[in-house]
Amino acid sequence: MPPLISTTALLLVSNVFMTFAWYAHLKDLKDKPWWIAALISWGIALMEYLFQVPANRIGYQGGIGLAQLKILQEVITLGVFVPFAILYMGEKPRLDFVWAGLCLTGAVYFIFRGGMGGK
């Protein structure tokens, strides 16, 4: 499998765990002390790292530049966060989500226009 595909897939899974670790406690554990939320979030974050670390290694060793990995991560984060915010947390969809997505689309263009590795 090409490094860009496997890296993207692993980062997608990683971001699902990351989003839940960072934000689900605001809804699900709001009546618990913060330290309980932190311990549970750390457990979820461990799962995030079990996907994120191999994703970045595969990508970097496969010729994806460091800045490209970061922009790819940010695009995936927004792609996971928006549905999470709307469907799980009950946030109202906002036009700002679209504008942020367009800005990241521009970032992807600029960071990948020189090819893999950013050269």
Protein backbone atom coordinates (compact mmCIF):
# COMPACT_ATOMS: atom_id res chain seq x y z
CA MET A 1 0.00 0.00 0.00
CA PRO A 2 1.39 3.47 -0.86
CA PRO A 3 2.71 5.40 2.16
CA LEU A 4 0.27 8.29 1.62
CA ILE A 5 -2.72 5.94 1.75
CA SER A 6 -1.58 3.94 4.80
CA THR A 7 -0.48 7.11 6.61
CA THR A 8 -3.82 8.79 5.94
CA ALA A 9 -5.79 5.74 7.08
CA LEU A 10 -3.81 5.40 10.30
CA LEU A 11 -4.06 9.13 11.02
CA LEU A 12 -7.81 8.96 10.48
CA VAL A 13 -8.17 6.24 13.12
CA SER A 14 -5.78 8.10 15.40
CA ASN A 15 -7.83 11.28 15.09
CA VAL A 16 -11.05 9.55 16.05
CA PHE A 17 -9.42 8.47 19.30
CA MET A 18 -7.80 11.88 19.75
CA THR A 19 -11.08 13.74 19.32
CA PHE A 20 -12.83 11.56 21.86
CA ALA A 21 -9.91 11.84 24.29
CA TRP A 22 -9.87 15.64 24.02
CA TYR A 23 -13.57 16.47 23.93
CA ALA A 24 -15.99 13.63 24.79
CA HIS A 25 -15.46 14.14 28.53
CA LEU A 26 -17.10 17.58 28.17
CA LYS A 27 -20.36 15.76 27.51
CA ASP A 28 -19.98 12.33 29.08
CA LEU A 29 -18.03 13.11 32.25
CA LYS A 30 -19.17 16.65 33.01
CA ASP A 31 -20.37 15.63 36.48
CA LYS A 32 -17.11 13.87 37.37
CA PRO A 33 -13.98 15.49 38.83
CA TRP A 34 -11.49 16.71 36.23
CA TRP A 35 -8.87 14.15 37.25
CA ILE A 36 -11.21 11.25 36.45
CA ALA A 37 -11.81 12.77 33.03
CA ALA A 38 -8.04 13.19 32.61
CA LEU A 39 -7.32 9.54 33.48
CA ILE A 40 -9.98 8.27 31.10
CA SER A 41 -8.77 10.66 28.39
CA TRP A 42 -5.19 9.44 28.84
CA GLY A 43 -6.38 5.88 28.31
CA ILE A 44 -8.10 6.87 25.09
CA ALA A 45 -5.06 8.92 24.05
CA LEU A 46 -2.88 5.82 24.36
CA MET A 47 -4.95 4.29 21.56
CA GLU A 48 -4.44 7.47 19.55
CA TYR A 49 -0.66 7.16 19.85
CA LEU A 50 -0.71 3.49 18.88
CA PHE A 51 -1.99 4.62 15.46
CA GLN A 52 -0.39 8.07 15.17
CA VAL A 53 3.23 7.06 15.77
CA PRO A 54 3.28 4.31 13.11
CA ALA A 55 1.39 6.60 10.72
CA ASN A 56 4.01 9.31 10.97
CA ARG A 57 6.89 6.85 10.71
CA ILE A 58 5.41 5.17 7.62
CA GLY A 59 4.73 8.53 6.03
CA TYR A 60 8.08 10.10 6.80
CA GLN A 61 10.08 7.03 5.78
CA GLY A 62 7.88 6.77 2.68
CA GLY A 63 8.84 10.23 1.46
CA ILE A 64 6.18 12.48 2.99
CA GLY A 65 7.81 15.63 4.29
CA LEU A 66 7.45 16.76 7.89
CA ALA A 67 5.37 19.82 6.99
CA GLN A 68 3.22 17.65 4.72
CA LEU A 69 2.57 15.25 7.60
CA LYS A 70 1.49 18.16 9.79
CA ILE A 71 -0.89 19.66 7.22
CA LEU A 72 -2.31 16.20 6.47
CA GLN A 73 -2.88 15.74 10.22
CA GLU A 74 -4.70 19.09 10.47
CA VAL A 75 -6.97 18.34 7.51
CA ILE A 76 -7.87 14.95 8.96
CA THR A 77 -8.44 16.54 12.37
CA LEU A 78 -10.96 18.97 10.96
CA GLY A 79 -12.57 16.21 8.90
CA VAL A 80 -13.08 14.16 12.07
CA PHE A 81 -13.88 17.07 14.39
CA VAL A 82 -16.73 18.63 12.41
CA PRO A 83 -18.91 15.49 12.29
CA PHE A 84 -18.00 14.77 15.93
CA ALA A 85 -19.03 18.28 17.00
CA ILE A 86 -22.30 18.14 15.09
CA LEU A 87 -23.37 14.51 15.56
CA TYR A 88 -21.90 13.61 18.95
CA MET A 89 -21.73 16.90 20.81
CA GLY A 90 -24.86 18.42 19.26
CA GLU A 91 -23.18 21.60 18.01
CA LYS A 92 -24.99 23.53 15.32
CA PRO A 93 -23.31 23.46 11.91
CA ARG A 94 -21.65 26.79 11.13
CA LEU A 95 -20.38 28.41 8.00
CA ASP A 96 -17.06 28.84 9.81
CA PHE A 97 -16.52 25.09 9.41
CA VAL A 98 -16.66 25.56 5.63
CA TRP A 99 -14.25 28.51 5.68
CA ALA A 100 -11.80 26.58 7.86
CA GLY A 101 -12.03 23.66 5.45
CA LEU A 102 -11.31 25.94 2.49
CA CYS A 103 -8.27 27.38 4.27
CA LEU A 104 -6.96 23.88 4.91
CA THR A 105 -7.61 22.94 1.29
CA GLY A 106 -5.34 25.82 0.33
CA ALA A 107 -2.75 24.62 2.84
CA VAL A 108 -2.83 21.14 1.30
CA TYR A 109 -2.35 22.60 -2.16
CA PHE A 110 0.63 24.71 -1.16
CA ILE A 111 2.36 22.06 0.95
CA PHE A 112 1.97 19.26 -1.65
CA ARG A 113 2.39 21.27 -4.91
CA GLY A 114 6.09 20.47 -5.05
CA GLY A 115 5.41 16.73 -4.74
CA MET A 116 6.07 14.32 -1.92
CA GLY A 117 8.72 15.44 0.51
CA GLY A 118 8.00 19.08 -0.29
CA LYS A 119 10.92 19.45 -2.70
